[in-house]
């Protein structure tokens, strides 16, 4: 259908279809018809809507920025990545020491991929978030199998799992770089490989019984996880500046 006043609106904090319909002199039904697949109850910040306005194009409605949104993203990203390394460490202790809490710790750890993916789902398609969750879950499963193989002295199996672990990181680098122009594939790959390198050192020291060095190694893992979290947050804020400023 011909529309003399067709425009594109970038979704911002505080936007609702009802509010946009009122501002652009149209209806929620017409906006939905022009944007099939849009969830009217969950507009994705930074996404665009095609709108047939009832009059000549006018500036969008005043933005309703959340002054705490920037810090909310940073804190949320740091939280889920810190939980990632904390629960991974608990898994390492459970496997290395053959503790009875292994199943419970594993179950809690496997919640983490969804928690991380949920943050990205606020800015990227749901399918991308599912891919991120799946790759992170694979990362954890390989890690658990690798720790077990190293504990039991199964060198060949451990070598094969190590190769799988780094290939999984490479896959994640491809996915992340495809979402955000500020996530370069090389940069993501180097960051994720460093995470594996540091974790591998932590595992080796723990299994060797060098507990003081093991603790220092975990300190490095934790610090690097915060760097990763901040890198992910920075990329999102650069890609969607209208959301955070």
Protein backbone atom coordinates (compact mmCIF):
# COMPACT_ATOMS: atom_id res chain seq x y z
CA UNK A 1 0.00 0.00 0.00
CA UNK A 2 1.30 3.44 -0.96
CA UNK A 3 2.33 5.66 1.96
CA UNK A 4 3.13 9.33 1.33
CA UNK A 5 4.81 9.75 4.71
CA UNK A 6 6.88 6.62 5.17
CA UNK A 7 9.65 6.82 7.77
CA UNK A 8 11.96 4.67 9.85
CA UNK A 9 12.08 4.95 13.63
CA UNK A 10 14.90 3.57 15.79
CA UNK A 11 13.55 2.07 19.00
CA UNK A 12 14.81 3.82 22.12
CA UNK A 13 14.32 3.32 25.86
CA UNK A 14 10.75 4.13 26.84
CA UNK A 15 9.26 3.52 23.38
CA UNK A 16 5.98 1.64 23.11
CA UNK A 17 3.85 1.06 20.02
CA UNK A 18 1.00 3.01 21.63
CA UNK A 19 3.27 5.99 22.27
CA UNK A 20 4.73 5.88 18.75
CA UNK A 21 1.31 5.56 17.15
CA UNK A 22 0.13 8.67 18.97
CA UNK A 23 3.17 10.70 18.01
CA UNK A 24 3.19 9.71 14.33
CA UNK A 25 -0.61 9.99 13.91
CA UNK A 26 -1.16 6.35 13.07
CA UNK A 27 -2.35 3.22 14.88
CA UNK A 28 -0.70 0.28 16.60
CA UNK A 29 -2.40 -2.04 14.10
CA UNK A 30 -0.86 -0.19 11.15
CA UNK A 31 2.60 -0.25 12.72
CA UNK A 32 2.34 -3.99 13.31
CA UNK A 33 1.14 -4.55 9.75
CA UNK A 34 4.23 -2.74 8.43
CA UNK A 35 6.55 -4.66 10.73
CA UNK A 36 5.64 -8.37 10.71
CA UNK A 37 7.35 -10.36 13.40
CA UNK A 38 7.69 -7.49 15.85
CA UNK A 39 6.77 -8.38 19.42
CA UNK A 40 4.56 -5.46 20.59
CA UNK A 41 5.37 -6.23 24.21
CA UNK A 42 9.14 -6.46 23.79
CA UNK A 43 10.53 -3.83 21.44
CA UNK A 44 14.25 -4.40 20.99
CA UNK A 45 16.26 -1.27 21.71
CA UNK A 46 18.23 -0.19 18.63
CA UNK A 47 15.98 -2.06 16.18
CA UNK A 48 14.08 -0.12 13.52
CA UNK A 49 10.38 0.15 12.74
CA UNK A 50 8.82 1.15 9.44
CA UNK A 51 6.01 3.64 10.11
CA UNK A 52 3.47 5.21 7.78
CA UNK A 53 2.91 8.52 9.51
CA UNK A 54 -0.36 10.44 9.30
CA UNK A 55 1.47 13.60 8.27
CA UNK A 56 4.84 14.88 7.04
CA UNK A 57 7.86 13.40 8.75
CA UNK A 58 8.58 14.95 12.14
CA UNK A 59 11.32 14.27 14.70
CA UNK A 60 10.73 11.21 16.83
CA UNK A 61 9.14 11.56 20.24
CA UNK A 62 11.43 12.81 23.00
CA UNK A 63 13.77 10.09 24.13
CA UNK A 64 13.22 8.66 27.56
CA UNK A 65 16.78 7.66 28.38
CA UNK A 66 17.43 5.63 31.46
CA UNK A 67 20.36 7.38 33.16
CA UNK A 68 21.24 4.08 34.83
CA UNK A 69 21.14 1.97 31.67
CA UNK A 70 24.86 2.29 30.91
CA UNK A 71 25.86 1.18 34.41
CA UNK A 72 23.16 -1.50 34.39
CA UNK A 73 24.73 -3.08 31.29
CA UNK A 74 28.26 -2.88 32.69
CA UNK A 75 27.23 -4.35 36.05
CA UNK A 76 25.08 -7.05 34.47
CA UNK A 77 27.83 -8.13 32.07
CA UNK A 78 30.40 -8.21 34.88
CA UNK A 79 28.05 -10.24 37.06
CA UNK A 80 27.39 -13.02 34.53
CA UNK A 81 31.05 -13.33 33.52
CA UNK A 82 32.19 -13.38 37.14
CA UNK A 83 29.63 -16.11 37.80
CA UNK A 84 31.02 -17.92 34.76
CA UNK A 85 34.52 -18.14 36.23
CA UNK A 86 33.41 -18.65 39.84
CA UNK A 87 31.20 -21.62 39.04
CA UNK A 88 33.79 -22.99 36.63
CA UNK A 89 36.27 -22.91 39.50
CA UNK A 90 33.80 -24.71 41.75
CA UNK A 91 33.46 -27.34 39.03
CA UNK A 92 37.24 -27.67 38.90
CA UNK A 93 37.36 -28.23 42.66
CA UNK A 94 34.52 -30.75 42.53
CA UNK A 95 36.15 -32.78 39.76
CA UNK A 96 39.70 -32.55 41.10
CA UNK A 97 38.72 -33.53 44.63
CA UNK A 98 35.92 -35.94 43.59
CA UNK A 99 33.39 -34.04 45.70
CA UNK A 100 29.80 -35.16 46.15
CA UNK A 101 28.44 -31.81 44.97
CA UNK A 102 29.54 -32.34 41.35
CA UNK A 103 26.04 -32.79 39.89
CA UNK A 104 24.62 -29.79 41.77
CA UNK A 105 27.57 -27.58 40.82
CA UNK A 106 27.33 -28.67 37.18
CA UNK A 107 23.62 -27.89 37.07
CA UNK A 108 24.21 -24.39 38.44
CA UNK A 109 27.11 -23.74 36.09
CA UNK A 110 25.00 -24.73 33.07
CA UNK A 111 22.56 -21.90 33.86
CA UNK A 112 25.29 -19.40 33.03
CA UNK A 113 25.14 -19.64 29.20
CA UNK A 114 21.49 -18.58 29.26
CA UNK A 115 22.26 -15.76 31.70
CA UNK A 116 24.97 -14.39 29.41
CA UNK A 117 22.85 -14.84 26.28
CA UNK A 118 19.94 -12.99 27.92
CA UNK A 119 22.03 -9.81 28.08
CA UNK A 120 22.80 -10.01 24.38
CA UNK A 121 19.13 -10.77 23.61
CA UNK A 122 18.28 -7.20 24.67
CA UNK A 123 20.18 -5.92 21.61
CA UNK A 124 20.37 -8.74 19.09
CA UNK A 125 17.93 -11.26 17.54
CA UNK A 126 16.73 -14.12 19.71
CA UNK A 127 18.31 -16.66 17.36
CA UNK A 128 21.73 -15.05 17.86
CA UNK A 129 21.27 -15.25 21.62
CA UNK A 130 20.42 -18.95 21.30
CA UNK A 131 23.59 -19.57 19.29
CA UNK A 132 25.67 -17.77 21.93
CA UNK A 133 24.06 -19.83 24.68
CA UNK A 134 24.68 -23.06 22.79
CA UNK A 135 28.35 -22.31 22.16
CA UNK A 136 28.92 -21.32 25.79
CA UNK A 137 27.23 -24.51 26.96
CA UNK A 138 29.52 -26.50 24.66
CA UNK A 139 32.50 -24.57 26.08
CA UNK A 140 31.54 -25.67 29.59
CA UNK A 141 30.88 -29.29 28.65
CA UNK A 142 34.26 -29.57 26.91
CA UNK A 143 35.94 -27.92 29.88
CA UNK A 144 34.42 -30.41 32.33
CA UNK A 145 35.46 -33.36 30.18
CA UNK A 146 38.96 -31.91 29.80
CA UNK A 147 39.45 -31.46 33.56
CA UNK A 148 38.30 -35.04 34.11
CA UNK A 149 40.65 -36.40 31.46
CA UNK A 150 43.59 -34.47 32.91
CA UNK A 151 42.77 -35.69 36.42
CA UNK A 152 42.68 -39.29 35.23
CA UNK A 153 45.89 -39.00 33.20
CA UNK A 154 44.19 -39.60 29.83
CA UNK A 155 46.64 -37.53 27.81
CA UNK A 156 45.39 -38.35 24.31
CA UNK A 157 41.80 -37.60 25.25
CA UNK A 158 42.85 -34.36 26.94
CA UNK A 159 44.75 -33.26 23.82
CA UNK A 160 41.71 -33.89 21.63
CA UNK A 161 39.43 -32.02 24.03
CA UNK A 162 41.86 -29.09 24.13
CA UNK A 163 41.68 -28.80 20.35
CA UNK A 164 37.88 -28.87 20.53
CA UNK A 165 37.94 -26.19 23.23
CA UNK A 166 39.91 -23.75 21.10
CA UNK A 167 37.82 -24.52 18.01
CA UNK A 168 34.73 -23.69 20.06
CA UNK A 169 36.33 -20.35 21.00
CA UNK A 170 36.99 -19.66 17.31
CA UNK A 171 33.33 -20.33 16.54
CA UNK A 172 32.30 -17.88 19.25
CA UNK A 173 34.65 -15.26 17.79
CA UNK A 174 32.92 -15.63 14.41
CA UNK A 175 29.45 -15.27 15.95
CA UNK A 176 30.29 -12.25 18.09
CA UNK A 177 32.11 -10.46 15.27
CA UNK A 178 29.09 -11.01 13.03
CA UNK A 179 26.84 -9.21 15.51
CA UNK A 180 28.81 -6.07 16.21
CA UNK A 181 31.30 -4.14 14.04
CA UNK A 182 33.27 -3.29 17.19
CA UNK A 183 33.82 -6.98 17.92
CA UNK A 184 36.54 -7.83 15.41
CA UNK A 185 37.00 -11.52 14.76
CA UNK A 186 40.71 -11.29 15.54
CA UNK A 187 40.10 -9.35 18.75
CA UNK A 188 37.41 -11.76 19.92
CA UNK A 189 39.58 -14.75 19.09
CA UNK A 190 42.56 -13.40 21.02
CA UNK A 191 40.39 -12.51 24.02
CA UNK A 192 38.69 -15.92 24.16
CA UNK A 193 41.96 -17.79 23.65
CA UNK A 194 43.51 -15.86 26.52
CA UNK A 195 40.57 -16.94 28.70
CA UNK A 196 41.30 -20.58 27.80
CA UNK A 197 45.04 -20.17 28.32
CA UNK A 198 44.55 -18.75 31.81
CA UNK A 199 41.95 -21.36 32.74
CA UNK A 200 44.22 -24.16 31.49
CA UNK A 201 47.00 -22.88 33.75
CA UNK A 202 44.61 -22.74 36.71
CA UNK A 203 43.50 -26.33 36.10
CA UNK A 204 47.07 -27.62 35.77
CA UNK A 205 48.19 -25.97 39.01
CA UNK A 206 45.18 -27.24 40.92
CA UNK A 207 45.63 -30.81 39.73
CA UNK A 208 49.33 -30.59 40.59
CA UNK A 209 48.44 -29.62 44.16
CA UNK A 210 50.24 -26.26 43.93
CA UNK A 211 47.47 -24.44 45.75
CA UNK A 212 49.10 -21.01 46.30
CA UNK A 213 49.97 -20.77 42.60
CA UNK A 214 46.53 -22.13 41.70
CA UNK A 215 44.88 -19.31 43.65
CA UNK A 216 47.07 -16.72 41.92
CA UNK A 217 46.14 -18.27 38.58
CA UNK A 218 42.46 -17.93 39.41
CA UNK A 219 43.02 -14.27 40.30
CA UNK A 220 44.29 -13.79 36.75
CA UNK A 221 41.26 -15.64 35.34
CA UNK A 222 38.93 -13.41 37.33
CA UNK A 223 40.65 -10.19 36.22
CA UNK A 224 40.55 -11.28 32.58
CA UNK A 225 36.86 -12.12 32.88
CA UNK A 226 36.18 -8.53 33.97
CA UNK A 227 38.16 -7.30 30.96
CA UNK A 228 36.04 -9.52 28.71
CA UNK A 229 32.82 -8.27 30.28
CA UNK A 230 33.85 -4.64 29.80
CA UNK A 231 34.87 -5.30 26.20
CA UNK A 232 31.45 -6.76 25.43
CA UNK A 233 29.69 -3.84 27.15
CA UNK A 234 31.83 -1.26 25.35
CA UNK A 235 31.01 -2.78 21.97
CA UNK A 236 27.28 -2.68 22.64
CA UNK A 237 27.41 0.93 23.83
CA UNK A 238 29.37 1.96 20.73
CA UNK A 239 26.99 0.15 18.40
CA UNK A 240 23.86 1.65 19.99
CA UNK A 241 24.94 5.14 21.13
CA UNK A 242 21.39 6.49 20.98
CA UNK A 243 20.46 4.03 23.71
CA UNK A 244 23.13 5.01 26.22
CA UNK A 245 23.65 8.75 25.73
